C-alpha cells in the first residue's frame, strides 16, 4: 500500500531539545500554522544531498503556486508556456512517477510520500537517470491544500492507499467528501484525479464520497474490475500498473478505478 496516510512524527534533519521545540509542532496537522517537528531519521540528513529534487516538510509549502519554476530542468521551459503538472500522492519510491516523467519530458511531475527513505531512493534514481522533470515531496497528505495553489495541478493520482479496513480505523481514510472538495480547488478546470484500489469496501466508501461532490467532480470510467477481459494483464509493467497492482493482478484481485474530472 502507499504511505500517503501516516501520522506525522518527523521532519527536517536534526533532533532538538524538547525545551526548544516549536509550540506549533503540537497544533493539529491541518492547522495553517502547523510546523513539522525535527527528525532523528537518518534519511532526514541524506535528503540534503538531493535538495534540488527533494522538498521536505514545511518547505513543501514555501513555493505554493510556483512549483513549475523549481524543477531541475525549469530553465529549459521558461517562456514556452504552461507545463502540465502531475502529482502522485503516496508515491512510495516513485516507481510509477519515474517512468511517467521519463516518457513525458515536456510535463512536470511531483511524487509525494511520507517516508524519507522512499523519496530519497526515488530522487536518487531520477538523478542517476537524468530525469530532471521530477521532484519528490516528503510531507503529510493532510497538508496538501497548503502545498499547492488553486488550479496549480493538472493531474492528480492516488493509487492503492491504505484501506484502514478495521472499524476503528475508518476515520483515517483519506478519501472523503471534504478532502475531495479540497483537492478540487487545487486541480485546474478539466483536470483529472485518478484513483485505484484493490479494496472493495474502501471503493464503496469512495463512491459514497464522490456522490457528495458531483457539483465539482464528474466520475468517469468508473469500474470495479479495471483489467477485466485482458488475458495479458499479468504481463503489464510499470507505469501501466504499480508494483502492488501487479501483485494483486497475479493474486486474482480485481482493481477498482475511477477518473474524476474537475468540472
C-alpha atoms as a PDB file:
ATOM      1  CA  UNK A   1       0.000   0.000   0.000  1.00  0.00           C
ATOM      2  CA  UNK A   2       1.052   3.584  -0.350  1.00  0.00           C
ATOM      3  CA  UNK A   3       2.286   5.631   2.564  1.00  0.00           C
ATOM      4  CA  UNK A   4       0.141   8.659   1.882  1.00  0.00           C
ATOM      5  CA  UNK A   5      -1.868   8.464   5.093  1.00  0.00           C
ATOM      6  CA  UNK A   6       0.557   8.352   8.003  1.00  0.00           C
ATOM      7  CA  UNK A   7       0.573  10.275  11.245  1.00  0.00           C
ATOM      8  CA  UNK A   8       3.253  12.999  11.402  1.00  0.00           C
ATOM      9  CA  UNK A   9       6.265  12.112  13.535  1.00  0.00           C
ATOM     10  CA  UNK A  10       9.248  13.816  11.981  1.00  0.00           C
ATOM     11  CA  UNK A  11      10.826  16.427   9.741  1.00  0.00           C
ATOM     12  CA  UNK A  12      13.944  18.223   8.717  1.00  0.00           C
ATOM     13  CA  UNK A  13      17.302  16.946   9.677  1.00  0.00           C
ATOM     14  CA  UNK A  14      18.434  17.107  13.301  1.00  0.00           C
ATOM     15  CA  UNK A  15      16.804  16.468  16.686  1.00  0.00           C
ATOM     16  CA  UNK A  16      16.357  19.399  19.051  1.00  0.00           C
ATOM     17  CA  UNK A  17      15.845  19.641  22.787  1.00  0.00           C
ATOM     18  CA  UNK A  18      12.179  19.417  23.839  1.00  0.00           C
ATOM     19  CA  UNK A  19      12.676  22.669  25.747  1.00  0.00           C
ATOM     20  CA  UNK A  20      13.362  24.420  22.446  1.00  0.00           C
ATOM     21  CA  UNK A  21      10.584  22.703  20.475  1.00  0.00           C
ATOM     22  CA  UNK A  22       8.387  24.946  18.383  1.00  0.00           C
ATOM     23  CA  UNK A  23       4.920  25.016  20.021  1.00  0.00           C
ATOM     24  CA  UNK A  24       3.424  24.942  16.536  1.00  0.00           C
ATOM     25  CA  UNK A  25       4.578  21.293  16.334  1.00  0.00           C
ATOM     26  CA  UNK A  26       1.711  20.470  18.663  1.00  0.00           C
ATOM     27  CA  UNK A  27      -1.019  22.115  16.600  1.00  0.00           C
ATOM     28  CA  UNK A  28      -3.408  19.851  14.677  1.00  0.00           C
ATOM     29  CA  UNK A  29      -1.807  18.717  11.419  1.00  0.00           C
ATOM     30  CA  UNK A  30      -4.474  20.537   9.383  1.00  0.00           C
ATOM     31  CA  UNK A  31      -3.902  23.875  11.166  1.00  0.00           C
ATOM     32  CA  UNK A  32      -2.494  26.599   8.864  1.00  0.00           C
ATOM     33  CA  UNK A  33       0.287  27.412  11.354  1.00  0.00           C
ATOM     34  CA  UNK A  34       1.368  23.833  11.992  1.00  0.00           C
ATOM     35  CA  UNK A  35       5.105  23.179  11.784  1.00  0.00           C
ATOM     36  CA  UNK A  36       6.651  19.739  11.363  1.00  0.00           C
ATOM     37  CA  UNK A  37       8.877  18.665  14.267  1.00  0.00           C
ATOM     38  CA  UNK A  38      12.509  17.718  13.652  1.00  0.00           C
ATOM     39  CA  UNK A  39      13.525  14.148  12.906  1.00  0.00           C
ATOM     40  CA  UNK A  40      16.028  11.535  14.019  1.00  0.00           C
ATOM     41  CA  UNK A  41      15.540   9.561  10.826  1.00  0.00           C
ATOM     42  CA  UNK A  42      18.972   9.019   9.193  1.00  0.00           C
ATOM     43  CA  UNK A  43      17.480   9.707   5.783  1.00  0.00           C
ATOM     44  CA  UNK A  44      16.392  13.089   7.076  1.00  0.00           C
ATOM     45  CA  UNK A  45      20.043  14.083   6.684  1.00  0.00           C
ATOM     46  CA  UNK A  46      20.630  12.222   3.429  1.00  0.00           C
ATOM     47  CA  UNK A  47      17.898  14.125   1.607  1.00  0.00           C
ATOM     48  CA  UNK A  48      20.113  17.232   1.873  1.00  0.00           C
ATOM     49  CA  UNK A  49      22.313  15.638  -0.796  1.00  0.00           C
ATOM     50  CA  UNK A  50      19.433  15.868  -3.259  1.00  0.00           C
ATOM     51  CA  UNK A  51      17.983  19.205  -2.208  1.00  0.00           C
ATOM     52  CA  UNK A  52      17.194  20.201  -5.807  1.00  0.00           C
ATOM     53  CA  UNK A  53      14.986  17.101  -6.152  1.00  0.00           C
ATOM     54  CA  UNK A  54      13.531  16.559  -2.669  1.00  0.00           C
ATOM     55  CA  UNK A  55      11.452  19.158  -0.835  1.00  0.00           C
ATOM     56  CA  UNK A  56      10.883  18.398   2.831  1.00  0.00           C
ATOM     57  CA  UNK A  57       8.071  19.165   5.275  1.00  0.00           C
ATOM     58  CA  UNK A  58       7.334  22.893   5.660  1.00  0.00           C
ATOM     59  CA  UNK A  59       9.460  23.676   2.609  1.00  0.00           C
ATOM     60  CA  UNK A  60       6.833  21.868   0.541  1.00  0.00           C
ATOM     61  CA  UNK A  61       4.590  24.862   1.310  1.00  0.00           C
ATOM     62  CA  UNK A  62       7.167  27.557   0.523  1.00  0.00           C
ATOM     63  CA  UNK A  63       6.606  27.834  -3.239  1.00  0.00           C
ATOM     64  CA  UNK A  64       2.863  27.330  -3.429  1.00  0.00           C
ATOM     65  CA  UNK A  65       1.768  28.308  -6.922  1.00  0.00           C
ATOM     66  CA  UNK A  66       5.335  28.400  -8.258  1.00  0.00           C
ATOM     67  CA  UNK A  67       6.406  24.769  -8.399  1.00  0.00           C
ATOM     68  CA  UNK A  68       6.825  24.659 -12.167  1.00  0.00           C
ATOM     69  CA  UNK A  69       9.741  27.068 -11.832  1.00  0.00           C
ATOM     70  CA  UNK A  70      11.543  24.904  -9.252  1.00  0.00           C
ATOM     71  CA  UNK A  71      12.288  21.763 -11.265  1.00  0.00           C
ATOM     72  CA  UNK A  72      15.926  20.995 -12.186  1.00  0.00           C
ATOM     73  CA  UNK A  73      15.042  21.466 -15.873  1.00  0.00           C
ATOM     74  CA  UNK A  74      12.864  24.575 -15.359  1.00  0.00           C
ATOM     75  CA  UNK A  75      15.218  26.913 -17.263  1.00  0.00           C
ATOM     76  CA  UNK A  76      14.709  24.862 -20.433  1.00  0.00           C
ATOM     77  CA  UNK A  77      10.980  25.515 -20.364  1.00  0.00           C
ATOM     78  CA  UNK A  78      10.988  29.179 -19.414  1.00  0.00           C
ATOM     79  CA  UNK A  79       8.818  31.170 -21.781  1.00  0.00           C
ATOM     80  CA  UNK A  80       7.450  28.078 -23.515  1.00  0.00           C
ATOM     81  CA  UNK A  81       4.021  28.109 -21.934  1.00  0.00           C
ATOM     82  CA  UNK A  82       2.425  26.344 -19.014  1.00  0.00           C
ATOM     83  CA  UNK A  83       3.670  22.809 -18.437  1.00  0.00           C
ATOM     84  CA  UNK A  84       1.231  20.169 -17.276  1.00  0.00           C
ATOM     85  CA  UNK A  85       1.834  19.358 -13.614  1.00  0.00           C
ATOM     86  CA  UNK A  86       1.199  15.794 -12.424  1.00  0.00           C
ATOM     87  CA  UNK A  87       1.157  14.935  -8.701  1.00  0.00           C
ATOM     88  CA  UNK A  88       1.192  11.363  -7.381  1.00  0.00           C
ATOM     89  CA  UNK A  89       0.030  11.009  -3.788  1.00  0.00           C
ATOM     90  CA  UNK A  90       1.649   8.224  -1.771  1.00  0.00           C
ATOM     91  CA  UNK A  91       4.245   7.609  -4.481  1.00  0.00           C
ATOM     92  CA  UNK A  92       6.386   5.227  -2.413  1.00  0.00           C
ATOM     93  CA  UNK A  93       9.792   5.088  -4.145  1.00  0.00           C
ATOM     94  CA  UNK A  94       8.450   6.859  -7.215  1.00  0.00           C
ATOM     95  CA  UNK A  95       8.448   3.778  -9.436  1.00  0.00           C
ATOM     96  CA  UNK A  96       5.477   4.982 -11.476  1.00  0.00           C
ATOM     97  CA  UNK A  97       6.333   8.683 -11.457  1.00  0.00           C
ATOM     98  CA  UNK A  98       9.877   7.952 -12.628  1.00  0.00           C
ATOM     99  CA  UNK A  99       8.604   6.184 -15.746  1.00  0.00           C
ATOM    100  CA  UNK A 100       5.927   8.777 -16.420  1.00  0.00           C
ATOM    101  CA  UNK A 101       8.490  11.568 -16.208  1.00  0.00           C
ATOM    102  CA  UNK A 102      10.965   9.723 -18.423  1.00  0.00           C
ATOM    103  CA  UNK A 103       8.293   9.248 -21.094  1.00  0.00           C
ATOM    104  CA  UNK A 104       6.945  12.817 -20.951  1.00  0.00           C
ATOM    105  CA  UNK A 105       9.829  15.302 -20.512  1.00  0.00           C
ATOM    106  CA  UNK A 106       7.543  18.133 -21.634  1.00  0.00           C
ATOM    107  CA  UNK A 107       5.487  17.736 -18.429  1.00  0.00           C
ATOM    108  CA  UNK A 108       6.434  18.184 -14.766  1.00  0.00           C
ATOM    109  CA  UNK A 109       5.898  15.533 -12.080  1.00  0.00           C
ATOM    110  CA  UNK A 110       5.860  15.529  -8.281  1.00  0.00           C
ATOM    111  CA  UNK A 111       5.778  12.391  -6.157  1.00  0.00           C
ATOM    112  CA  UNK A 112       4.596  12.865  -2.571  1.00  0.00           C
ATOM    113  CA  UNK A 113       5.224  10.393   0.225  1.00  0.00           C
ATOM    114  CA  UNK A 114       5.635  10.365   3.994  1.00  0.00           C
ATOM    115  CA  UNK A 115       8.788   8.239   4.186  1.00  0.00           C
ATOM    116  CA  UNK A 116      12.205   9.902   3.946  1.00  0.00           C
ATOM    117  CA  UNK A 117      13.813   6.678   2.735  1.00  0.00           C
ATOM    118  CA  UNK A 118      11.404   6.175  -0.148  1.00  0.00           C
ATOM    119  CA  UNK A 119      11.617   9.723  -1.513  1.00  0.00           C
ATOM    120  CA  UNK A 120      15.416   9.615  -1.177  1.00  0.00           C
ATOM    121  CA  UNK A 121      15.639   6.432  -3.247  1.00  0.00           C
ATOM    122  CA  UNK A 122      13.248   7.861  -5.830  1.00  0.00           C
ATOM    123  CA  UNK A 123      15.178  11.110  -6.163  1.00  0.00           C
ATOM    124  CA  UNK A 124      18.488   9.236  -6.291  1.00  0.00           C
ATOM    125  CA  UNK A 125      17.195   7.187  -9.235  1.00  0.00           C
ATOM    126  CA  UNK A 126      15.936  10.296 -11.025  1.00  0.00           C
ATOM    127  CA  UNK A 127      19.365  11.907 -10.731  1.00  0.00           C
ATOM    128  CA  UNK A 128      21.184   8.812 -11.979  1.00  0.00           C
ATOM    129  CA  UNK A 129      18.826   8.639 -14.957  1.00  0.00           C
ATOM    130  CA  UNK A 130      18.947  12.416 -15.625  1.00  0.00           C
ATOM    131  CA  UNK A 131      15.190  12.698 -15.200  1.00  0.00           C
ATOM    132  CA  UNK A 132      15.041  16.396 -14.410  1.00  0.00           C
ATOM    133  CA  UNK A 133      11.288  16.943 -14.684  1.00  0.00           C
ATOM    134  CA  UNK A 134      10.538  15.063 -11.460  1.00  0.00           C
ATOM    135  CA  UNK A 135      10.691  16.198  -7.844  1.00  0.00           C
ATOM    136  CA  UNK A 136       9.721  14.499  -4.601  1.00  0.00           C
ATOM    137  CA  UNK A 137       7.905  15.910  -1.586  1.00  0.00           C
ATOM    138  CA  UNK A 138       8.337  14.409   1.863  1.00  0.00           C
ATOM    139  CA  UNK A 139       5.178  15.614   3.536  1.00  0.00           C
ATOM    140  CA  UNK A 140       1.893  14.619   5.134  1.00  0.00           C
ATOM    141  CA  UNK A 141      -1.040  14.332   2.763  1.00  0.00           C
ATOM    142  CA  UNK A 142      -3.233  16.196   5.252  1.00  0.00           C
ATOM    143  CA  UNK A 143      -1.250  19.337   4.291  1.00  0.00           C
ATOM    144  CA  UNK A 144      -1.972  19.086   0.557  1.00  0.00           C
ATOM    145  CA  UNK A 145      -4.014  22.287   0.445  1.00  0.00           C
ATOM    146  CA  UNK A 146      -1.022  24.258   1.755  1.00  0.00           C
ATOM    147  CA  UNK A 147       1.427  22.793  -0.772  1.00  0.00           C
ATOM    148  CA  UNK A 148      -0.378  23.789  -3.955  1.00  0.00           C
ATOM    149  CA  UNK A 149      -2.268  26.872  -5.089  1.00  0.00           C
ATOM    150  CA  UNK A 150      -5.772  26.750  -6.578  1.00  0.00           C
ATOM    151  CA  UNK A 151      -5.647  25.287 -10.079  1.00  0.00           C
ATOM    152  CA  UNK A 152      -1.914  24.548  -9.913  1.00  0.00           C
ATOM    153  CA  UNK A 153      -2.262  20.810 -10.549  1.00  0.00           C
ATOM    154  CA  UNK A 154      -3.389  19.320 -13.865  1.00  0.00           C
ATOM    155  CA  UNK A 155      -3.383  15.623 -12.988  1.00  0.00           C
ATOM    156  CA  UNK A 156      -3.649  14.084  -9.530  1.00  0.00           C
ATOM    157  CA  UNK A 157      -3.199  10.392  -8.704  1.00  0.00           C
ATOM    158  CA  UNK A 158      -3.847   8.214  -5.665  1.00  0.00           C
ATOM    159  CA  UNK A 159      -3.034   4.545  -6.152  1.00  0.00           C
ATOM    160  CA  UNK A 160      -3.743   1.872  -3.565  1.00  0.00           C
ATOM    161  CA  UNK A 161      -3.934   3.935  -0.374  1.00  0.00           C
ATOM    162  CA  UNK A 162      -4.040   2.108   2.930  1.00  0.00           C
ATOM    163  CA  UNK A 163      -7.650   0.847   3.226  1.00  0.00           C
ATOM    164  CA  UNK A 164      -7.742   1.191   7.017  1.00  0.00           C
ATOM    165  CA  UNK A 165     -10.098  -1.778   6.999  1.00  0.00           C
ATOM    166  CA  UNK A 166     -10.912  -2.087  10.702  1.00  0.00           C
ATOM    167  CA  UNK A 167     -13.955  -0.239  12.012  1.00  0.00           C
ATOM    168  CA  UNK A 168     -11.789   1.710  14.456  1.00  0.00           C
ATOM    169  CA  UNK A 169      -9.545   2.819  11.577  1.00  0.00           C
ATOM    170  CA  UNK A 170     -12.162   4.126   9.147  1.00  0.00           C
ATOM    171  CA  UNK A 171     -11.629   7.680  10.385  1.00  0.00           C
ATOM    172  CA  UNK A 172      -8.104   7.520   8.921  1.00  0.00           C
ATOM    173  CA  UNK A 173      -9.268   7.030   5.333  1.00  0.00           C
ATOM    174  CA  UNK A 174      -8.174   9.993   3.261  1.00  0.00           C
ATOM    175  CA  UNK A 175     -10.788   9.831   0.511  1.00  0.00           C
ATOM    176  CA  UNK A 176     -13.700  11.755   1.970  1.00  0.00           C
ATOM    177  CA  UNK A 177     -16.065  14.347   0.540  1.00  0.00           C
ATOM    178  CA  UNK A 178     -14.155  17.046   2.434  1.00  0.00           C
ATOM    179  CA  UNK A 179     -10.786  16.027   1.020  1.00  0.00           C
ATOM    180  CA  UNK A 180     -12.213  15.685  -2.477  1.00  0.00           C
ATOM    181  CA  UNK A 181     -13.544  19.238  -2.267  1.00  0.00           C
ATOM    182  CA  UNK A 182     -10.139  20.465  -1.087  1.00  0.00           C
ATOM    183  CA  UNK A 183      -8.412  18.588  -3.907  1.00  0.00           C
ATOM    184  CA  UNK A 184     -10.807  20.048  -6.472  1.00  0.00           C
ATOM    185  CA  UNK A 185      -9.639  23.563  -5.589  1.00  0.00           C
ATOM    186  CA  UNK A 186      -6.066  22.559  -6.411  1.00  0.00           C
ATOM    187  CA  UNK A 187      -6.835  20.912  -9.749  1.00  0.00           C
ATOM    188  CA  UNK A 188      -7.323  23.077 -12.839  1.00  0.00           C
ATOM    189  CA  UNK A 189     -10.673  23.065 -14.620  1.00  0.00           C
ATOM    190  CA  UNK A 190     -10.816  19.991 -16.816  1.00  0.00           C
ATOM    191  CA  UNK A 191      -8.042  18.312 -14.834  1.00  0.00           C
ATOM    192  CA  UNK A 192      -8.275  14.710 -13.680  1.00  0.00           C
ATOM    193  CA  UNK A 193      -7.878  12.874 -10.370  1.00  0.00           C
ATOM    194  CA  UNK A 194      -7.304   9.126 -10.943  1.00  0.00           C
ATOM    195  CA  UNK A 195      -7.843   6.751  -8.020  1.00  0.00           C
ATOM    196  CA  UNK A 196      -7.224   2.996  -7.842  1.00  0.00           C
ATOM    197  CA  UNK A 197      -7.695   0.474  -5.031  1.00  0.00           C
ATOM    198  CA  UNK A 198      -7.877  -3.276  -4.606  1.00  0.00           C
ATOM    199  CA  UNK A 199     -10.158  -2.947  -1.574  1.00  0.00           C
ATOM    200  CA  UNK A 200     -13.885  -3.222  -2.467  1.00  0.00           C
ATOM    201  CA  UNK A 201     -15.000  -1.819   0.888  1.00  0.00           C
ATOM    202  CA  UNK A 202     -12.860   1.277   0.504  1.00  0.00           C
ATOM    203  CA  UNK A 203     -14.070   1.704  -3.069  1.00  0.00           C
ATOM    204  CA  UNK A 204     -17.685   1.645  -1.845  1.00  0.00           C
ATOM    205  CA  UNK A 205     -16.663   4.317   0.680  1.00  0.00           C
ATOM    206  CA  UNK A 206     -15.037   6.345  -2.103  1.00  0.00           C
ATOM    207  CA  UNK A 207     -18.136   6.118  -4.277  1.00  0.00           C
ATOM    208  CA  UNK A 208     -20.278   7.443  -1.419  1.00  0.00           C
ATOM    209  CA  UNK A 209     -17.877  10.385  -1.025  1.00  0.00           C
ATOM    210  CA  UNK A 210     -17.839  11.014  -4.790  1.00  0.00           C
ATOM    211  CA  UNK A 211     -21.621  11.047  -4.826  1.00  0.00           C
ATOM    212  CA  UNK A 212     -21.485  14.003  -2.411  1.00  0.00           C
ATOM    213  CA  UNK A 213     -19.231  16.115  -4.649  1.00  0.00           C
ATOM    214  CA  UNK A 214     -20.985  15.845  -8.012  1.00  0.00           C
ATOM    215  CA  UNK A 215     -21.065  19.623  -8.174  1.00  0.00           C
ATOM    216  CA  UNK A 216     -17.287  19.792  -8.630  1.00  0.00           C
ATOM    217  CA  UNK A 217     -16.135  16.341  -9.815  1.00  0.00           C
ATOM    218  CA  UNK A 218     -17.581  14.204 -12.594  1.00  0.00           C
ATOM    219  CA  UNK A 219     -16.937  10.468 -12.190  1.00  0.00           C
ATOM    220  CA  UNK A 220     -15.756   8.877 -15.452  1.00  0.00           C
ATOM    221  CA  UNK A 221     -14.525   5.391 -16.390  1.00  0.00           C
ATOM    222  CA  UNK A 222     -15.668   4.003 -13.043  1.00  0.00           C
ATOM    223  CA  UNK A 223     -15.025   0.270 -12.890  1.00  0.00           C
ATOM    224  CA  UNK A 224     -14.776  -2.456 -10.290  1.00  0.00           C
ATOM    225  CA  UNK A 225     -12.537  -4.620 -12.479  1.00  0.00           C
ATOM    226  CA  UNK A 226     -10.107  -2.456 -14.435  1.00  0.00           C
ATOM    227  CA  UNK A 227      -8.334  -5.305 -16.190  1.00  0.00           C
ATOM    228  CA  UNK A 228     -11.337  -7.497 -16.928  1.00  0.00           C
ATOM    229  CA  UNK A 229     -11.086  -9.102 -20.347  1.00  0.00           C
ATOM    230  CA  UNK A 230      -7.339  -8.574 -20.636  1.00  0.00           C
ATOM    231  CA  UNK A 231      -5.704 -12.024 -20.789  1.00  0.00           C
ATOM    232  CA  UNK A 232      -2.280 -10.405 -20.586  1.00  0.00           C
ATOM    233  CA  UNK A 233      -2.992  -8.208 -17.558  1.00  0.00           C
ATOM    234  CA  UNK A 234      -0.418 -10.165 -15.550  1.00  0.00           C
ATOM    235  CA  UNK A 235       2.268  -9.077 -18.012  1.00  0.00           C
ATOM    236  CA  UNK A 236       1.641  -5.346 -17.596  1.00  0.00           C
ATOM    237  CA  UNK A 237       4.669  -3.406 -16.394  1.00  0.00           C
ATOM    238  CA  UNK A 238       5.286  -0.127 -14.579  1.00  0.00           C
ATOM    239  CA  UNK A 239       3.907   2.511 -15.191  1.00  0.00           C
ATOM    240  CA  UNK A 240       0.805   0.834 -16.679  1.00  0.00           C
ATOM    241  CA  UNK A 241       0.489  -0.828 -13.271  1.00  0.00           C
ATOM    242  CA  UNK A 242       2.072  -0.168  -9.896  1.00  0.00           C
ATOM    243  CA  UNK A 243       4.173  -2.719  -8.034  1.00  0.00           C
ATOM    244  CA  UNK A 244       1.249  -3.535  -5.743  1.00  0.00           C
ATOM    245  CA  UNK A 245      -1.164  -3.690  -8.659  1.00  0.00           C
ATOM    246  CA  UNK A 246       0.952  -6.307 -10.404  1.00  0.00           C
ATOM    247  CA  UNK A 247       0.832  -8.448  -7.273  1.00  0.00           C
ATOM    248  CA  UNK A 248      -2.937  -8.010  -6.921  1.00  0.00           C
ATOM    249  CA  UNK A 249      -3.491  -9.000 -10.563  1.00  0.00           C
ATOM    250  CA  UNK A 250      -1.433 -12.172 -10.118  1.00  0.00           C
ATOM    251  CA  UNK A 251      -3.476 -12.973  -6.998  1.00  0.00           C
ATOM    252  CA  UNK A 252      -6.679 -12.595  -8.984  1.00  0.00           C
ATOM    253  CA  UNK A 253      -7.892  -9.498  -7.142  1.00  0.00           C
ATOM    254  CA  UNK A 254      -9.991  -7.071  -9.224  1.00  0.00           C
ATOM    255  CA  UNK A 255      -8.732  -3.492  -9.423  1.00  0.00           C
ATOM    256  CA  UNK A 256     -11.254  -0.742  -8.728  1.00  0.00           C
ATOM    257  CA  UNK A 257     -10.674   2.527 -10.566  1.00  0.00           C
ATOM    258  CA  UNK A 258     -12.291   5.891 -11.216  1.00  0.00           C
ATOM    259  CA  UNK A 259     -11.259   9.058 -13.039  1.00  0.00           C
ATOM    260  CA  UNK A 260     -12.672  12.232 -11.522  1.00  0.00           C
ATOM    261  CA  UNK A 261     -12.840  15.144 -13.928  1.00  0.00           C
ATOM    262  CA  UNK A 262     -12.753  18.663 -12.466  1.00  0.00           C
ATOM    263  CA  UNK A 263     -15.904  20.465 -13.575  1.00  0.00           C
END
